[in-house]
Amino acid sequence: MDIAQDPFRQANYLFRKAAYDRWHRQQSKQHILRSQLGFTEVSPSRPKACQGCEHYHGIAYGYSRADRTILVCGFHPFGWQGDICPDWSALKD
């Protein structure tokens, strides 16, 4: 059977496309609402001591939201708790 004529493949594609369109429409509505309410600034998720550091990783690992853990950096996996990190290094461009 030709891939172009496979009805299941085409149906799956159409369902995924419709789901993405719904998600995108919802995100657009939320963005508009946030801007109307004055929530245009997104607070940084990066700890204050880690801003501008080249060692910052900031990716969350885990399969579900309940189990997800963010890895801040290799030196301090949960982030430095003080104001000045002893391992801070400026970003290299």
C-alpha atoms as a PDB file:
ATOM      1  CA  MET A   1       0.000   0.000   0.000  1.00  0.00           C
ATOM      2  CA  ASP A   2       1.334   3.431  -0.901  1.00  0.00           C
ATOM      3  CA  ILE A   3       2.149   5.715   2.015  1.00  0.00           C
ATOM      4  CA  ALA A   4       0.262   8.618   0.440  1.00  0.00           C
ATOM      5  CA  GLN A   5      -2.920   6.527   0.301  1.00  0.00           C
ATOM      6  CA  ASP A   6      -2.659   5.036   3.802  1.00  0.00           C
ATOM      7  CA  PRO A   7      -5.860   6.323   5.486  1.00  0.00           C
ATOM      8  CA  PHE A   8      -4.604   5.714   9.040  1.00  0.00           C
ATOM      9  CA  ARG A   9      -1.438   7.714   8.496  1.00  0.00           C
ATOM     10  CA  GLN A  10      -3.388  10.603   7.026  1.00  0.00           C
ATOM     11  CA  ALA A  11      -5.991  10.473   9.826  1.00  0.00           C
ATOM     12  CA  ASN A  12      -3.254  10.475  12.488  1.00  0.00           C
ATOM     13  CA  TYR A  13      -1.614  13.441  10.800  1.00  0.00           C
ATOM     14  CA  LEU A  14      -4.900  15.354  10.723  1.00  0.00           C
ATOM     15  CA  PHE A  15      -5.606  14.630  14.414  1.00  0.00           C
ATOM     16  CA  ARG A  16      -2.104  15.751  15.421  1.00  0.00           C
ATOM     17  CA  LYS A  17      -2.457  18.896  13.316  1.00  0.00           C
ATOM     18  CA  ALA A  18      -5.841  19.713  14.882  1.00  0.00           C
ATOM     19  CA  ALA A  19      -4.456  19.146  18.404  1.00  0.00           C
ATOM     20  CA  TYR A  20      -1.507  21.422  17.678  1.00  0.00           C
ATOM     21  CA  ASP A  21      -3.810  24.105  16.258  1.00  0.00           C
ATOM     22  CA  ARG A  22      -5.954  23.965  19.444  1.00  0.00           C
ATOM     23  CA  TRP A  23      -2.854  24.193  21.633  1.00  0.00           C
ATOM     24  CA  HIS A  24      -1.460  27.123  19.614  1.00  0.00           C
ATOM     25  CA  ARG A  25      -4.791  28.961  19.735  1.00  0.00           C
ATOM     26  CA  GLN A  26      -4.943  28.502  23.542  1.00  0.00           C
ATOM     27  CA  GLN A  27      -1.367  29.783  23.936  1.00  0.00           C
ATOM     28  CA  SER A  28      -2.220  32.837  21.829  1.00  0.00           C
ATOM     29  CA  LYS A  29      -5.273  33.573  23.957  1.00  0.00           C
ATOM     30  CA  GLN A  30      -3.228  33.258  27.149  1.00  0.00           C
ATOM     31  CA  HIS A  31      -0.551  35.563  25.754  1.00  0.00           C
ATOM     32  CA  ILE A  32      -3.159  38.190  24.843  1.00  0.00           C
ATOM     33  CA  LEU A  33      -4.799  37.929  28.267  1.00  0.00           C
ATOM     34  CA  ARG A  34      -1.457  38.249  30.064  1.00  0.00           C
ATOM     35  CA  SER A  35      -0.548  41.344  28.053  1.00  0.00           C
ATOM     36  CA  GLN A  36      -3.959  42.911  28.757  1.00  0.00           C
ATOM     37  CA  LEU A  37      -3.572  42.270  32.484  1.00  0.00           C
ATOM     38  CA  GLY A  38      -0.009  43.598  32.562  1.00  0.00           C
ATOM     39  CA  PHE A  39       1.811  40.287  32.962  1.00  0.00           C
ATOM     40  CA  THR A  40       4.155  40.748  30.030  1.00  0.00           C
ATOM     41  CA  GLU A  41       7.314  40.318  32.089  1.00  0.00           C
ATOM     42  CA  VAL A  42       8.241  36.708  32.715  1.00  0.00           C
ATOM     43  CA  SER A  43      10.185  36.256  35.907  1.00  0.00           C
ATOM     44  CA  PRO A  44      13.510  34.512  35.349  1.00  0.00           C
ATOM     45  CA  SER A  45      13.664  30.941  36.597  1.00  0.00           C
ATOM     46  CA  ARG A  46      17.415  31.227  36.976  1.00  0.00           C
ATOM     47  CA  PRO A  47      18.628  31.807  40.560  1.00  0.00           C
ATOM     48  CA  LYS A  48      20.068  35.269  41.127  1.00  0.00           C
ATOM     49  CA  ALA A  49      23.556  33.902  41.829  1.00  0.00           C
ATOM     50  CA  CYS A  50      23.488  31.960  38.517  1.00  0.00           C
ATOM     51  CA  GLN A  51      22.575  34.828  36.179  1.00  0.00           C
ATOM     52  CA  GLY A  52      25.243  35.280  33.502  1.00  0.00           C
ATOM     53  CA  CYS A  53      27.160  32.156  34.537  1.00  0.00           C
ATOM     54  CA  GLU A  54      28.500  29.819  31.860  1.00  0.00           C
ATOM     55  CA  HIS A  55      27.993  26.765  34.105  1.00  0.00           C
ATOM     56  CA  TYR A  56      24.199  27.263  34.239  1.00  0.00           C
ATOM     57  CA  HIS A  57      22.364  24.246  32.818  1.00  0.00           C
ATOM     58  CA  GLY A  58      18.735  24.779  33.846  1.00  0.00           C
ATOM     59  CA  ILE A  59      17.154  21.728  32.215  1.00  0.00           C
ATOM     60  CA  ALA A  60      14.566  19.690  34.110  1.00  0.00           C
ATOM     61  CA  TYR A  61      14.903  15.916  34.096  1.00  0.00           C
ATOM     62  CA  GLY A  62      12.167  13.388  34.848  1.00  0.00           C
ATOM     63  CA  TYR A  63       9.186  11.758  33.212  1.00  0.00           C
ATOM     64  CA  SER A  64       6.334  13.472  35.046  1.00  0.00           C
ATOM     65  CA  ARG A  65       5.871  16.879  36.625  1.00  0.00           C
ATOM     66  CA  ALA A  66       5.796  15.362  40.092  1.00  0.00           C
ATOM     67  CA  ASP A  67       9.140  13.612  39.572  1.00  0.00           C
ATOM     68  CA  ARG A  68      10.843  16.324  37.521  1.00  0.00           C
ATOM     69  CA  THR A  69      14.006  17.865  38.982  1.00  0.00           C
ATOM     70  CA  ILE A  70      15.878  20.835  37.584  1.00  0.00           C
ATOM     71  CA  LEU A  71      19.637  20.564  37.292  1.00  0.00           C
ATOM     72  CA  VAL A  72      20.932  24.084  37.832  1.00  0.00           C
ATOM     73  CA  CYS A  73      24.637  23.438  37.247  1.00  0.00           C
ATOM     74  CA  GLY A  74      27.300  20.764  37.612  1.00  0.00           C
ATOM     75  CA  PHE A  75      28.835  22.371  40.689  1.00  0.00           C
ATOM     76  CA  HIS A  76      25.622  23.101  42.576  1.00  0.00           C
ATOM     77  CA  PRO A  77      22.782  20.880  41.267  1.00  0.00           C
ATOM     78  CA  PHE A  78      20.099  22.785  43.200  1.00  0.00           C
ATOM     79  CA  GLY A  79      21.621  26.239  42.784  1.00  0.00           C
ATOM     80  CA  TRP A  80      23.810  28.351  45.035  1.00  0.00           C
ATOM     81  CA  GLN A  81      21.875  29.555  48.071  1.00  0.00           C
ATOM     82  CA  GLY A  82      23.906  32.703  48.759  1.00  0.00           C
ATOM     83  CA  ASP A  83      24.366  35.891  46.770  1.00  0.00           C
ATOM     84  CA  ILE A  84      27.806  35.236  45.272  1.00  0.00           C
ATOM     85  CA  CYS A  85      28.613  31.759  43.926  1.00  0.00           C
ATOM     86  CA  PRO A  86      32.294  30.799  44.377  1.00  0.00           C
ATOM     87  CA  ASP A  87      32.253  28.902  41.034  1.00  0.00           C
ATOM     88  CA  TRP A  88      30.635  31.689  38.981  1.00  0.00           C
ATOM     89  CA  SER A  89      32.225  32.268  35.563  1.00  0.00           C
ATOM     90  CA  ALA A  90      31.090  34.794  32.939  1.00  0.00           C
ATOM     91  CA  LEU A  91      29.468  33.581  29.723  1.00  0.00           C
ATOM     92  CA  LYS A  92      31.945  33.223  26.874  1.00  0.00           C
ATOM     93  CA  ASP A  93      30.738  34.360  23.453  1.00  0.00           C
END
